[in-house]
Amino acid sequence: MSAEASAARAPGLGDTAGPVSQPPGPVPEVSHGGRGLLGSKYVKLNVSGSLHYTTIQTLSKEDSLLRSICTGDIKAMIDPEGWVVLDRCGRHFGLVLNFLRDGSVPLPEESRELEEVLKEAQYYRVQGLVQHCQNAMQKQTDVYEGVCRIPMITSAKEEQKMIATCRKPVVKLQNNRGNNKYSYTSNSDDNLLKNIELFDKLGLRFNGRVLFVKDVLGDEICCWSFYGEGRKIAEVCCTSIVYATEKKQTKVEFPEARIFEETLNILIYEKGGRGSGASGLALLDQRGPGSSPGAGQSEEEGGGGGGADRRVRRIHVRRHIMHDERSGGQQTVYKD
């Protein structure tokens, strides 16, 4: 045999000599059409790395994209190991399969996750799951949420952050009935309830304009604080010590007019209001005779060294001695 004939036969012998056009082995991806997957009973699904094993019957329960893949109407990519590859996030695919198996499935309560499930159901064209998700989302929107919410302070740090970051004026009611060394006078409980009731009414009346917060952890039995632009503007303390003949008592007052006045004053510090900033402070300083403390009250200015923009109006009920309520007691003495 001549050398030319040997050279002509070499490429067809499959020997190591000579170039190889394509390596042996299965094709990495095969597009299937025609009969699809109907020749098999079970299906292995690889959804972006999330592996699932199910049956043709489950995938064919609804007229969906998955049924079209099984029937061959839509070509599917199958890897060399026989896994049907779906280029979708596999986080919620198990939920889609469970719906096809059972006809219903618990849905996540969080709105974002529920929207993700809806997107997957729409992609796979599982109309039953789409309707299920839409009904759940409608129920969430139909849930009534209160229009007036009053936060409860849990710590001093939380209070400081809330007041500093709030863009609205803040009114805080601090009430802690258990923080008392002495017994209460006969009208104190009733006045304390009146303060709480007024707080609730003001919260409803000025909802959206003023942030009302409640503090039950402080040291004061009943005290109103008013804040604007992140700092305290005024304070109304409703408690005092009563010096009786034999024992001291705690008295709770209800200065309704003064509380309402300070609430109106604090509206000057609304963002965008005509009286915000320095002009608001000037308006507060120009109070008329009707703004003076009422009977049984005293007013003092705190932080005088910090200028007019640092003053805090503190209104306290005066300490006084009540008459002896025992039989025969008629004397009434007042003491500042």
C-alpha atoms as a PDB file:
ATOM      1  CA  MET A   1       0.000   0.000   0.000  1.00  0.00           C
ATOM      2  CA  SER A   2       1.348   3.400  -0.999  1.00  0.00           C
ATOM      3  CA  ALA A   3       2.001   6.210   1.447  1.00  0.00           C
ATOM      4  CA  GLU A   4      -0.707   8.309  -0.204  1.00  0.00           C
ATOM      5  CA  ALA A   5      -3.322   5.605   0.383  1.00  0.00           C
ATOM      6  CA  SER A   6      -2.302   5.230   4.046  1.00  0.00           C
ATOM      7  CA  ALA A   7      -2.625   8.955   4.566  1.00  0.00           C
ATOM      8  CA  ALA A   8      -6.061   8.924   2.975  1.00  0.00           C
ATOM      9  CA  ARG A   9      -7.296   6.189   5.305  1.00  0.00           C
ATOM     10  CA  ALA A  10      -5.914   7.714   8.521  1.00  0.00           C
ATOM     11  CA  PRO A  11      -8.699  10.261   9.229  1.00  0.00           C
ATOM     12  CA  GLY A  12     -11.424   7.669   8.954  1.00  0.00           C
ATOM     13  CA  LEU A  13      -9.869   5.166  11.377  1.00  0.00           C
ATOM     14  CA  GLY A  14     -10.585   7.200  14.552  1.00  0.00           C
ATOM     15  CA  ASP A  15      -6.982   6.952  15.693  1.00  0.00           C
ATOM     16  CA  THR A  16      -5.258   9.566  17.792  1.00  0.00           C
ATOM     17  CA  ALA A  17      -3.487  10.825  14.729  1.00  0.00           C
ATOM     18  CA  GLY A  18      -5.288  13.666  12.963  1.00  0.00           C
ATOM     19  CA  PRO A  19      -7.692  16.356  14.204  1.00  0.00           C
ATOM     20  CA  VAL A  20     -11.048  15.486  15.867  1.00  0.00           C
ATOM     21  CA  SER A  21     -13.945  17.670  14.744  1.00  0.00           C
ATOM     22  CA  GLN A  22     -16.237  17.172  17.821  1.00  0.00           C
ATOM     23  CA  PRO A  23     -15.613  15.446  21.166  1.00  0.00           C
ATOM     24  CA  PRO A  24     -17.688  12.369  21.909  1.00  0.00           C
ATOM     25  CA  GLY A  25     -20.507  12.538  24.499  1.00  0.00           C
ATOM     26  CA  PRO A  26     -24.109  13.802  24.838  1.00  0.00           C
ATOM     27  CA  VAL A  27     -25.158  17.261  23.739  1.00  0.00           C
ATOM     28  CA  PRO A  28     -25.332  19.639  26.768  1.00  0.00           C
ATOM     29  CA  GLU A  29     -28.795  20.998  25.887  1.00  0.00           C
ATOM     30  CA  VAL A  30     -31.438  19.371  23.752  1.00  0.00           C
ATOM     31  CA  SER A  31     -34.632  21.100  22.620  1.00  0.00           C
ATOM     32  CA  HIS A  32     -37.546  18.731  22.744  1.00  0.00           C
ATOM     33  CA  GLY A  33     -40.683  19.140  20.710  1.00  0.00           C
ATOM     34  CA  GLY A  34     -43.227  16.846  19.202  1.00  0.00           C
ATOM     35  CA  ARG A  35     -44.374  14.437  21.900  1.00  0.00           C
ATOM     36  CA  GLY A  36     -42.732  16.506  24.637  1.00  0.00           C
ATOM     37  CA  LEU A  37     -42.484  14.642  27.936  1.00  0.00           C
ATOM     38  CA  LEU A  38     -45.626  12.534  27.591  1.00  0.00           C
ATOM     39  CA  GLY A  39     -43.577   9.393  27.169  1.00  0.00           C
ATOM     40  CA  SER A  40     -42.430   9.654  30.799  1.00  0.00           C
ATOM     41  CA  LYS A  41     -44.361   9.328  34.042  1.00  0.00           C
ATOM     42  CA  TYR A  42     -42.084  11.409  36.236  1.00  0.00           C
ATOM     43  CA  VAL A  43     -40.377  14.710  35.527  1.00  0.00           C
ATOM     44  CA  LYS A  44     -37.248  16.207  37.045  1.00  0.00           C
ATOM     45  CA  LEU A  45     -37.287  19.999  37.104  1.00  0.00           C
ATOM     46  CA  ASN A  46     -34.304  22.279  37.671  1.00  0.00           C
ATOM     47  CA  VAL A  47     -35.523  25.810  38.352  1.00  0.00           C
ATOM     48  CA  SER A  48     -32.324  27.894  38.582  1.00  0.00           C
ATOM     49  CA  GLY A  49     -30.743  25.321  40.882  1.00  0.00           C
ATOM     50  CA  SER A  50     -33.904  24.459  42.849  1.00  0.00           C
ATOM     51  CA  LEU A  51     -34.544  20.773  42.075  1.00  0.00           C
ATOM     52  CA  HIS A  52     -38.068  19.312  42.034  1.00  0.00           C
ATOM     53  CA  TYR A  53     -39.387  15.844  41.247  1.00  0.00           C
ATOM     54  CA  THR A  54     -43.010  15.465  40.233  1.00  0.00           C
ATOM     55  CA  THR A  55     -45.335  13.688  37.790  1.00  0.00           C
ATOM     56  CA  ILE A  56     -46.724  14.537  34.374  1.00  0.00           C
ATOM     57  CA  GLN A  57     -50.214  14.301  35.889  1.00  0.00           C
ATOM     58  CA  THR A  58     -49.467  17.065  38.402  1.00  0.00           C
ATOM     59  CA  LEU A  59     -48.014  19.386  35.780  1.00  0.00           C
ATOM     60  CA  SER A  60     -50.993  18.796  33.475  1.00  0.00           C
ATOM     61  CA  LYS A  61     -53.772  19.629  35.969  1.00  0.00           C
ATOM     62  CA  GLU A  62     -54.234  23.164  34.643  1.00  0.00           C
ATOM     63  CA  ASP A  63     -53.909  24.640  31.172  1.00  0.00           C
ATOM     64  CA  SER A  64     -50.597  26.247  32.028  1.00  0.00           C
ATOM     65  CA  LEU A  65     -47.107  26.711  30.673  1.00  0.00           C
ATOM     66  CA  LEU A  66     -46.047  23.533  32.461  1.00  0.00           C
ATOM     67  CA  ARG A  67     -48.690  21.483  30.639  1.00  0.00           C
ATOM     68  CA  SER A  68     -47.538  22.964  27.316  1.00  0.00           C
ATOM     69  CA  ILE A  69     -43.995  21.832  28.126  1.00  0.00           C
ATOM     70  CA  CYS A  70     -45.254  18.310  28.848  1.00  0.00           C
ATOM     71  CA  THR A  71     -47.282  18.087  25.627  1.00  0.00           C
ATOM     72  CA  GLY A  72     -44.451  19.486  23.527  1.00  0.00           C
ATOM     73  CA  ASP A  73     -46.295  22.643  22.489  1.00  0.00           C
ATOM     74  CA  ILE A  74     -43.437  24.591  24.063  1.00  0.00           C
ATOM     75  CA  LYS A  75     -39.890  23.307  23.685  1.00  0.00           C
ATOM     76  CA  ALA A  76     -38.064  22.530  26.911  1.00  0.00           C
ATOM     77  CA  MET A  77     -34.347  22.525  27.588  1.00  0.00           C
ATOM     78  CA  ILE A  78     -33.091  19.250  29.094  1.00  0.00           C
ATOM     79  CA  ASP A  79     -29.579  18.863  30.456  1.00  0.00           C
ATOM     80  CA  PRO A  80     -27.482  15.719  29.956  1.00  0.00           C
ATOM     81  CA  GLU A  81     -28.800  14.203  33.206  1.00  0.00           C
ATOM     82  CA  GLY A  82     -32.422  14.540  32.125  1.00  0.00           C
ATOM     83  CA  TRP A  83     -33.388  17.583  34.189  1.00  0.00           C
ATOM     84  CA  VAL A  84     -35.847  19.975  32.571  1.00  0.00           C
ATOM     85  CA  VAL A  85     -34.201  23.386  32.955  1.00  0.00           C
ATOM     86  CA  LEU A  86     -36.441  26.391  33.692  1.00  0.00           C
ATOM     87  CA  ASP A  87     -34.797  29.804  33.755  1.00  0.00           C
ATOM     88  CA  ARG A  88     -36.829  31.250  36.637  1.00  0.00           C
ATOM     89  CA  CYS A  89     -36.253  31.930  40.338  1.00  0.00           C
ATOM     90  CA  GLY A  90     -36.927  28.721  42.222  1.00  0.00           C
ATOM     91  CA  ARG A  91     -37.852  30.344  45.528  1.00  0.00           C
ATOM     92  CA  HIS A  92     -41.620  29.969  45.080  1.00  0.00           C
ATOM     93  CA  PHE A  93     -41.742  27.137  42.557  1.00  0.00           C
ATOM     94  CA  GLY A  94     -42.473  24.597  45.286  1.00  0.00           C
ATOM     95  CA  LEU A  95     -45.548  26.629  46.208  1.00  0.00           C
ATOM     96  CA  VAL A  96     -46.681  26.523  42.556  1.00  0.00           C
ATOM     97  CA  LEU A  97     -46.284  22.723  42.527  1.00  0.00           C
ATOM     98  CA  ASN A  98     -48.184  22.336  45.797  1.00  0.00           C
ATOM     99  CA  PHE A  99     -51.064  24.349  44.387  1.00  0.00           C
ATOM    100  CA  LEU A 100     -51.184  22.064  41.345  1.00  0.00           C
ATOM    101  CA  ARG A 101     -51.167  19.030  43.638  1.00  0.00           C
ATOM    102  CA  ASP A 102     -53.794  20.168  46.163  1.00  0.00           C
ATOM    103  CA  GLY A 103     -55.751  22.952  44.481  1.00  0.00           C
ATOM    104  CA  SER A 104     -55.015  25.365  47.338  1.00  0.00           C
ATOM    105  CA  VAL A 105     -51.989  26.462  49.289  1.00  0.00           C
ATOM    106  CA  PRO A 106     -51.215  28.816  52.220  1.00  0.00           C
ATOM    107  CA  LEU A 107     -49.900  32.108  50.896  1.00  0.00           C
ATOM    108  CA  PRO A 108     -47.287  34.341  52.578  1.00  0.00           C
ATOM    109  CA  GLU A 109     -48.688  37.203  54.626  1.00  0.00           C
ATOM    110  CA  GLU A 110     -46.044  39.747  53.657  1.00  0.00           C
ATOM    111  CA  SER A 111     -47.169  41.861  50.716  1.00  0.00           C
ATOM    112  CA  ARG A 112     -43.849  41.708  48.893  1.00  0.00           C
ATOM    113  CA  GLU A 113     -43.653  37.916  48.981  1.00  0.00           C
ATOM    114  CA  LEU A 114     -47.279  37.668  47.919  1.00  0.00           C
ATOM    115  CA  GLU A 115     -46.512  39.834  44.878  1.00  0.00           C
ATOM    116  CA  GLU A 116     -43.569  37.558  44.037  1.00  0.00           C
ATOM    117  CA  VAL A 117     -45.838  34.488  44.125  1.00  0.00           C
ATOM    118  CA  LEU A 118     -48.330  36.289  41.891  1.00  0.00           C
ATOM    119  CA  LYS A 119     -45.604  37.049  39.335  1.00  0.00           C
ATOM    120  CA  GLU A 120     -44.556  33.388  39.231  1.00  0.00           C
ATOM    121  CA  ALA A 121     -48.157  32.218  38.900  1.00  0.00           C
ATOM    122  CA  GLN A 122     -48.687  34.621  36.010  1.00  0.00           C
ATOM    123  CA  TYR A 123     -45.496  33.449  34.282  1.00  0.00           C
ATOM    124  CA  TYR A 124     -46.476  29.771  34.535  1.00  0.00           C
ATOM    125  CA  ARG A 125     -50.079  30.709  33.611  1.00  0.00           C
ATOM    126  CA  VAL A 126     -51.556  28.894  36.610  1.00  0.00           C
ATOM    127  CA  GLN A 127     -54.827  30.826  36.645  1.00  0.00           C
ATOM    128  CA  GLY A 128     -56.132  29.228  39.828  1.00  0.00           C
ATOM    129  CA  LEU A 129     -53.088  30.411  41.781  1.00  0.00           C
ATOM    130  CA  VAL A 130     -53.298  33.842  40.138  1.00  0.00           C
ATOM    131  CA  GLN A 131     -56.868  34.235  41.345  1.00  0.00           C
ATOM    132  CA  HIS A 132     -55.907  32.939  44.783  1.00  0.00           C
ATOM    133  CA  CYS A 133     -53.139  35.562  45.094  1.00  0.00           C
ATOM    134  CA  GLN A 134     -55.356  38.380  43.864  1.00  0.00           C
ATOM    135  CA  ASN A 135     -58.050  37.496  46.401  1.00  0.00           C
ATOM    136  CA  ALA A 136     -55.468  37.495  49.205  1.00  0.00           C
ATOM    137  CA  MET A 137     -54.130  40.876  48.108  1.00  0.00           C
ATOM    138  CA  GLN A 138     -57.646  42.296  47.981  1.00  0.00           C
ATOM    139  CA  LYS A 139     -58.278  41.147  51.548  1.00  0.00           C
ATOM    140  CA  GLN A 140     -55.128  42.909  52.679  1.00  0.00           C
ATOM    141  CA  THR A 141     -56.271  46.177  51.132  1.00  0.00           C
ATOM    142  CA  ASP A 142     -59.749  45.792  52.639  1.00  0.00           C
ATOM    143  CA  VAL A 143     -58.382  45.453  56.180  1.00  0.00           C
ATOM    144  CA  TYR A 144     -59.319  48.602  58.093  1.00  0.00           C
ATOM    145  CA  GLU A 145     -56.424  50.420  59.698  1.00  0.00           C
ATOM    146  CA  GLY A 146     -57.016  53.033  62.362  1.00  0.00           C
ATOM    147  CA  VAL A 147     -56.506  56.573  61.149  1.00  0.00           C
ATOM    148  CA  CYS A 148     -55.365  57.822  64.548  1.00  0.00           C
ATOM    149  CA  ARG A 149     -52.443  56.063  66.190  1.00  0.00           C
ATOM    150  CA  ILE A 150     -50.833  57.138  69.455  1.00  0.00           C
ATOM    151  CA  PRO A 151     -47.399  55.600  70.079  1.00  0.00           C
ATOM    152  CA  MET A 152     -46.390  54.438  73.553  1.00  0.00           C
ATOM    153  CA  ILE A 153     -42.887  55.395  74.648  1.00  0.00           C
ATOM    154  CA  THR A 154     -40.781  52.420  75.752  1.00  0.00           C
ATOM    155  CA  SER A 155     -37.493  54.145  76.659  1.00  0.00           C
ATOM    156  CA  ALA A 156     -35.921  57.569  77.072  1.00  0.00           C
ATOM    157  CA  LYS A 157     -33.692  56.975  74.036  1.00  0.00           C
ATOM    158  CA  GLU A 158     -36.702  56.171  71.895  1.00  0.00           C
ATOM    159  CA  GLU A 159     -38.449  59.329  73.119  1.00  0.00           C
ATOM    160  CA  GLN A 160     -35.493  61.559  72.222  1.00  0.00           C
ATOM    161  CA  LYS A 161     -35.181  60.048  68.752  1.00  0.00           C
ATOM    162  CA  MET A 162     -38.927  60.309  68.110  1.00  0.00           C
ATOM    163  CA  ILE A 163     -39.082  63.978  69.088  1.00  0.00           C
ATOM    164  CA  ALA A 164     -35.870  64.920  67.244  1.00  0.00           C
ATOM    165  CA  THR A 165     -36.906  63.301  63.949  1.00  0.00           C
ATOM    166  CA  CYS A 166     -40.609  64.179  63.956  1.00  0.00           C
ATOM    167  CA  ARG A 167     -41.578  66.892  61.492  1.00  0.00           C
ATOM    168  CA  LYS A 168     -44.747  67.673  63.409  1.00  0.00           C
ATOM    169  CA  PRO A 169     -45.288  69.319  66.808  1.00  0.00           C
ATOM    170  CA  VAL A 170     -45.369  66.756  69.613  1.00  0.00           C
ATOM    171  CA  VAL A 171     -47.613  66.608  72.668  1.00  0.00           C
ATOM    172  CA  LYS A 172     -46.656  64.084  75.336  1.00  0.00           C
ATOM    173  CA  LEU A 173     -48.770  63.045  78.302  1.00  0.00           C
ATOM    174  CA  GLN A 174     -46.830  61.395  81.094  1.00  0.00           C
ATOM    175  CA  ASN A 175     -49.044  59.601  83.565  1.00  0.00           C
ATOM    176  CA  ASN A 176     -47.873  57.073  86.115  1.00  0.00           C
ATOM    177  CA  ARG A 177     -50.359  56.710  88.939  1.00  0.00           C
ATOM    178  CA  GLY A 178     -48.237  54.138  90.749  1.00  0.00           C
ATOM    179  CA  ASN A 179     -45.343  56.584  91.226  1.00  0.00           C
ATOM    180  CA  ASN A 180     -46.709  58.135  94.414  1.00  0.00           C
ATOM    181  CA  LYS A 181     -45.382  58.246  97.964  1.00  0.00           C
ATOM    182  CA  TYR A 182     -48.574  59.514  99.549  1.00  0.00           C
ATOM    183  CA  SER A 183     -52.273  58.854  99.280  1.00  0.00           C
ATOM    184  CA  TYR A 184     -54.381  60.772  96.773  1.00  0.00           C
ATOM    185  CA  THR A 185     -56.965  63.389  97.552  1.00  0.00           C
ATOM    186  CA  SER A 186     -60.609  62.600  96.946  1.00  0.00           C
ATOM    187  CA  ASN A 187     -60.781  64.241  93.488  1.00  0.00           C
ATOM    188  CA  SER A 188     -57.385  63.163  92.179  1.00  0.00           C
ATOM    189  CA  ASP A 189     -58.510  59.950  90.497  1.00  0.00           C
ATOM    190  CA  ASP A 190     -61.317  61.750  88.722  1.00  0.00           C
ATOM    191  CA  ASN A 191     -58.991  64.537  87.546  1.00  0.00           C
ATOM    192  CA  LEU A 192     -56.439  62.018  86.319  1.00  0.00           C
ATOM    193  CA  LEU A 193     -59.095  60.351  84.185  1.00  0.00           C
ATOM    194  CA  LYS A 194     -60.147  63.766  82.861  1.00  0.00           C
ATOM    195  CA  ASN A 195     -56.564  64.450  81.757  1.00  0.00           C
ATOM    196  CA  ILE A 196     -56.428  61.129  79.928  1.00  0.00           C
ATOM    197  CA  GLU A 197     -59.805  61.757  78.325  1.00  0.00           C
ATOM    198  CA  LEU A 198     -58.712  65.215  77.149  1.00  0.00           C
ATOM    199  CA  PHE A 199     -55.542  63.690  75.693  1.00  0.00           C
ATOM    200  CA  ASP A 200     -57.632  61.247  73.637  1.00  0.00           C
ATOM    201  CA  LYS A 201     -59.959  63.996  72.396  1.00  0.00           C
ATOM    202  CA  LEU A 202     -57.084  66.267  71.387  1.00  0.00           C
ATOM    203  CA  GLY A 203     -55.413  63.350  69.619  1.00  0.00           C
ATOM    204  CA  LEU A 204     -58.518  62.867  67.474  1.00  0.00           C
ATOM    205  CA  ARG A 205     -59.079  66.574  66.869  1.00  0.00           C
ATOM    206  CA  PHE A 206     -55.521  67.365  65.750  1.00  0.00           C
ATOM    207  CA  ASN A 207     -54.742  64.022  64.134  1.00  0.00           C
ATOM    208  CA  GLY A 208     -52.316  64.475  61.235  1.00  0.00           C
ATOM    209  CA  ARG A 209     -51.142  67.871  62.464  1.00  0.00           C
ATOM    210  CA  VAL A 210     -49.696  66.983  65.872  1.00  0.00           C
ATOM    211  CA  LEU A 211     -48.025  63.784  67.053  1.00  0.00           C
ATOM    212  CA  PHE A 212     -49.495  62.709  70.398  1.00  0.00           C
ATOM    213  CA  VAL A 213     -47.421  60.247  72.439  1.00  0.00           C
ATOM    214  CA  LYS A 214     -48.048  58.642  75.806  1.00  0.00           C
ATOM    215  CA  ASP A 215     -45.479  57.873  78.490  1.00  0.00           C
ATOM    216  CA  VAL A 216     -46.349  55.569  81.394  1.00  0.00           C
ATOM    217  CA  LEU A 217     -42.757  54.901  82.504  1.00  0.00           C
ATOM    218  CA  GLY A 218     -41.743  58.381  83.683  1.00  0.00           C
ATOM    219  CA  ASP A 219     -41.492  59.812  87.176  1.00  0.00           C
ATOM    220  CA  GLU A 220     -44.388  62.247  86.914  1.00  0.00           C
ATOM    221  CA  ILE A 221     -47.905  61.256  87.934  1.00  0.00           C
ATOM    222  CA  CYS A 222     -49.565  63.578  85.417  1.00  0.00           C
ATOM    223  CA  CYS A 223     -47.597  66.010  83.268  1.00  0.00           C
ATOM    224  CA  TRP A 224     -48.092  67.460  79.777  1.00  0.00           C
ATOM    225  CA  SER A 225     -45.091  68.366  77.601  1.00  0.00           C
ATOM    226  CA  PHE A 226     -45.224  70.297  74.321  1.00  0.00           C
ATOM    227  CA  TYR A 227     -42.438  70.097  71.716  1.00  0.00           C
ATOM    228  CA  GLY A 228     -41.746  72.024  68.533  1.00  0.00           C
ATOM    229  CA  GLU A 229     -38.866  71.647  66.070  1.00  0.00           C
ATOM    230  CA  GLY A 230     -37.261  68.971  68.245  1.00  0.00           C
ATOM    231  CA  ARG A 231     -37.181  70.843  71.583  1.00  0.00           C
ATOM    232  CA  LYS A 232     -39.498  71.355  74.517  1.00  0.00           C
ATOM    233  CA  ILE A 233     -41.591  74.520  74.307  1.00  0.00           C
ATOM    234  CA  ALA A 234     -43.899  74.250  77.323  1.00  0.00           C
ATOM    235  CA  GLU A 235     -44.829  71.981  80.193  1.00  0.00           C
ATOM    236  CA  VAL A 236     -47.970  71.732  82.311  1.00  0.00           C
ATOM    237  CA  CYS A 237     -47.565  69.754  85.522  1.00  0.00           C
ATOM    238  CA  CYS A 238     -50.877  68.723  87.056  1.00  0.00           C
ATOM    239  CA  THR A 239     -49.717  67.299  90.392  1.00  0.00           C
ATOM    240  CA  SER A 240     -48.924  68.918  93.716  1.00  0.00           C
ATOM    241  CA  ILE A 241     -48.317  67.944  97.331  1.00  0.00           C
ATOM    242  CA  VAL A 242     -51.063  68.819  99.826  1.00  0.00           C
ATOM    243  CA  TYR A 243     -49.876  69.453 103.396  1.00  0.00           C
ATOM    244  CA  ALA A 244     -52.666  68.360 105.698  1.00  0.00           C
ATOM    245  CA  THR A 245     -52.533  68.554 109.496  1.00  0.00           C
ATOM    246  CA  GLU A 246     -51.166  65.031 110.015  1.00  0.00           C
ATOM    247  CA  LYS A 247     -50.129  63.615 106.637  1.00  0.00           C
ATOM    248  CA  LYS A 248     -49.194  64.680 103.126  1.00  0.00           C
ATOM    249  CA  GLN A 249     -51.352  63.894 100.143  1.00  0.00           C
ATOM    250  CA  THR A 250     -50.899  64.023  96.396  1.00  0.00           C
ATOM    251  CA  LYS A 251     -53.363  66.106  94.439  1.00  0.00           C
ATOM    252  CA  VAL A 252     -53.984  65.866  90.671  1.00  0.00           C
ATOM    253  CA  GLU A 253     -55.439  68.948  89.011  1.00  0.00           C
ATOM    254  CA  PHE A 254     -57.186  69.316  85.653  1.00  0.00           C
ATOM    255  CA  PRO A 255     -56.148  72.669  84.090  1.00  0.00           C
ATOM    256  CA  GLU A 256     -58.163  72.064  80.933  1.00  0.00           C
ATOM    257  CA  ALA A 257     -58.032  75.615  79.590  1.00  0.00           C
ATOM    258  CA  ARG A 258     -54.249  75.882  79.933  1.00  0.00           C
ATOM    259  CA  ILE A 259     -53.661  72.505  78.298  1.00  0.00           C
ATOM    260  CA  PHE A 260     -55.853  73.427  75.364  1.00  0.00           C
ATOM    261  CA  GLU A 261     -54.095  76.790  75.039  1.00  0.00           C
ATOM    262  CA  GLU A 262     -50.641  75.192  74.904  1.00  0.00           C
ATOM    263  CA  THR A 263     -51.889  72.707  72.321  1.00  0.00           C
ATOM    264  CA  LEU A 264     -53.012  75.584  70.111  1.00  0.00           C
ATOM    265  CA  ASN A 265     -49.710  77.377  70.677  1.00  0.00           C
ATOM    266  CA  ILE A 266     -47.765  74.337  69.531  1.00  0.00           C
ATOM    267  CA  LEU A 267     -49.512  74.447  66.148  1.00  0.00           C
ATOM    268  CA  ILE A 268     -47.302  77.431  65.316  1.00  0.00           C
ATOM    269  CA  TYR A 269     -44.440  74.947  64.878  1.00  0.00           C
ATOM    270  CA  GLU A 270     -46.103  73.064  62.049  1.00  0.00           C
ATOM    271  CA  LYS A 271     -43.759  72.709  59.074  1.00  0.00           C
ATOM    272  CA  GLY A 272     -44.620  75.285  56.444  1.00  0.00           C
ATOM    273  CA  GLY A 273     -46.829  77.259  58.823  1.00  0.00           C
ATOM    274  CA  ARG A 274     -46.771  81.044  58.850  1.00  0.00           C
ATOM    275  CA  GLY A 275     -45.577  81.099  62.443  1.00  0.00           C
ATOM    276  CA  SER A 276     -42.809  78.523  62.234  1.00  0.00           C
ATOM    277  CA  GLY A 277     -39.306  79.336  63.386  1.00  0.00           C
ATOM    278  CA  ALA A 278     -38.368  82.632  65.017  1.00  0.00           C
ATOM    279  CA  SER A 279     -41.632  84.337  64.077  1.00  0.00           C
ATOM    280  CA  GLY A 280     -43.501  81.640  65.941  1.00  0.00           C
ATOM    281  CA  LEU A 281     -41.463  82.337  69.051  1.00  0.00           C
ATOM    282  CA  ALA A 282     -42.337  86.029  68.780  1.00  0.00           C
ATOM    283  CA  LEU A 283     -46.026  85.214  68.562  1.00  0.00           C
ATOM    284  CA  LEU A 284     -45.790  83.044  71.648  1.00  0.00           C
ATOM    285  CA  ASP A 285     -44.152  85.852  73.586  1.00  0.00           C
ATOM    286  CA  GLN A 286     -46.980  88.258  72.680  1.00  0.00           C
ATOM    287  CA  ARG A 287     -49.620  86.542  74.780  1.00  0.00           C
ATOM    288  CA  GLY A 288     -52.544  88.571  76.003  1.00  0.00           C
ATOM    289  CA  PRO A 289     -54.042  88.794  79.479  1.00  0.00           C
ATOM    290  CA  GLY A 290     -56.180  85.754  78.791  1.00  0.00           C
ATOM    291  CA  SER A 291     -53.049  83.608  78.611  1.00  0.00           C
ATOM    292  CA  SER A 292     -51.965  84.262  82.173  1.00  0.00           C
ATOM    293  CA  PRO A 293     -51.974  81.364  84.639  1.00  0.00           C
ATOM    294  CA  GLY A 294     -55.300  80.656  86.259  1.00  0.00           C
ATOM    295  CA  ALA A 295     -56.092  80.415  89.927  1.00  0.00           C
ATOM    296  CA  GLY A 296     -54.023  77.873  91.773  1.00  0.00           C
ATOM    297  CA  GLN A 297     -51.293  77.874  89.063  1.00  0.00           C
ATOM    298  CA  SER A 298     -47.827  79.345  88.764  1.00  0.00           C
ATOM    299  CA  GLU A 299     -45.701  79.962  85.695  1.00  0.00           C
ATOM    300  CA  GLU A 300     -41.909  79.998  85.522  1.00  0.00           C
ATOM    301  CA  GLU A 301     -39.410  80.376  82.701  1.00  0.00           C
ATOM    302  CA  GLY A 302     -36.624  77.797  82.501  1.00  0.00           C
ATOM    303  CA  GLY A 303     -33.160  78.216  81.015  1.00  0.00           C
ATOM    304  CA  GLY A 304     -33.106  82.014  81.141  1.00  0.00           C
ATOM    305  CA  GLY A 305     -29.411  82.105  80.201  1.00  0.00           C
ATOM    306  CA  GLY A 306     -30.066  80.506  76.802  1.00  0.00           C
ATOM    307  CA  GLY A 307     -32.020  83.402  75.261  1.00  0.00           C
ATOM    308  CA  ALA A 308     -35.641  83.654  74.222  1.00  0.00           C
ATOM    309  CA  ASP A 309     -35.402  80.677  71.839  1.00  0.00           C
ATOM    310  CA  ARG A 310     -34.411  78.367  74.697  1.00  0.00           C
ATOM    311  CA  ARG A 311     -37.061  79.254  77.261  1.00  0.00           C
ATOM    312  CA  VAL A 312     -39.551  76.619  78.359  1.00  0.00           C
ATOM    313  CA  ARG A 313     -42.833  77.663  79.929  1.00  0.00           C
ATOM    314  CA  ARG A 314     -43.450  75.498  82.957  1.00  0.00           C
ATOM    315  CA  ILE A 315     -46.870  75.739  84.571  1.00  0.00           C
ATOM    316  CA  HIS A 316     -47.272  74.076  87.949  1.00  0.00           C
ATOM    317  CA  VAL A 317     -50.159  73.845  90.353  1.00  0.00           C
ATOM    318  CA  ARG A 318     -49.275  75.657  93.578  1.00  0.00           C
ATOM    319  CA  ARG A 319     -48.656  73.704  96.719  1.00  0.00           C
ATOM    320  CA  HIS A 320     -51.137  74.574  99.434  1.00  0.00           C
ATOM    321  CA  ILE A 321     -52.615  73.326 102.665  1.00  0.00           C
ATOM    322  CA  MET A 322     -56.178  72.135 102.620  1.00  0.00           C
ATOM    323  CA  HIS A 323     -58.504  72.525 105.552  1.00  0.00           C
ATOM    324  CA  ASP A 324     -58.713  69.673 108.036  1.00  0.00           C
ATOM    325  CA  GLU A 325     -61.557  67.512 106.793  1.00  0.00           C
ATOM    326  CA  ARG A 326     -62.007  65.798 110.115  1.00  0.00           C
ATOM    327  CA  SER A 327     -64.951  66.731 112.338  1.00  0.00           C
ATOM    328  CA  GLY A 328     -64.435  70.138 113.904  1.00  0.00           C
ATOM    329  CA  GLY A 329     -61.711  71.164 111.456  1.00  0.00           C
ATOM    330  CA  GLN A 330     -62.548  74.530 109.855  1.00  0.00           C
ATOM    331  CA  GLN A 331     -59.200  76.252 109.275  1.00  0.00           C
ATOM    332  CA  THR A 332     -57.970  76.778 105.716  1.00  0.00           C
ATOM    333  CA  VAL A 333     -54.356  77.872 105.191  1.00  0.00           C
ATOM    334  CA  TYR A 334     -52.592  78.485 101.865  1.00  0.00           C
ATOM    335  CA  LYS A 335     -48.851  78.219 101.493  1.00  0.00           C
ATOM    336  CA  ASP A 336     -46.728  78.778  98.377  1.00  0.00           C
END
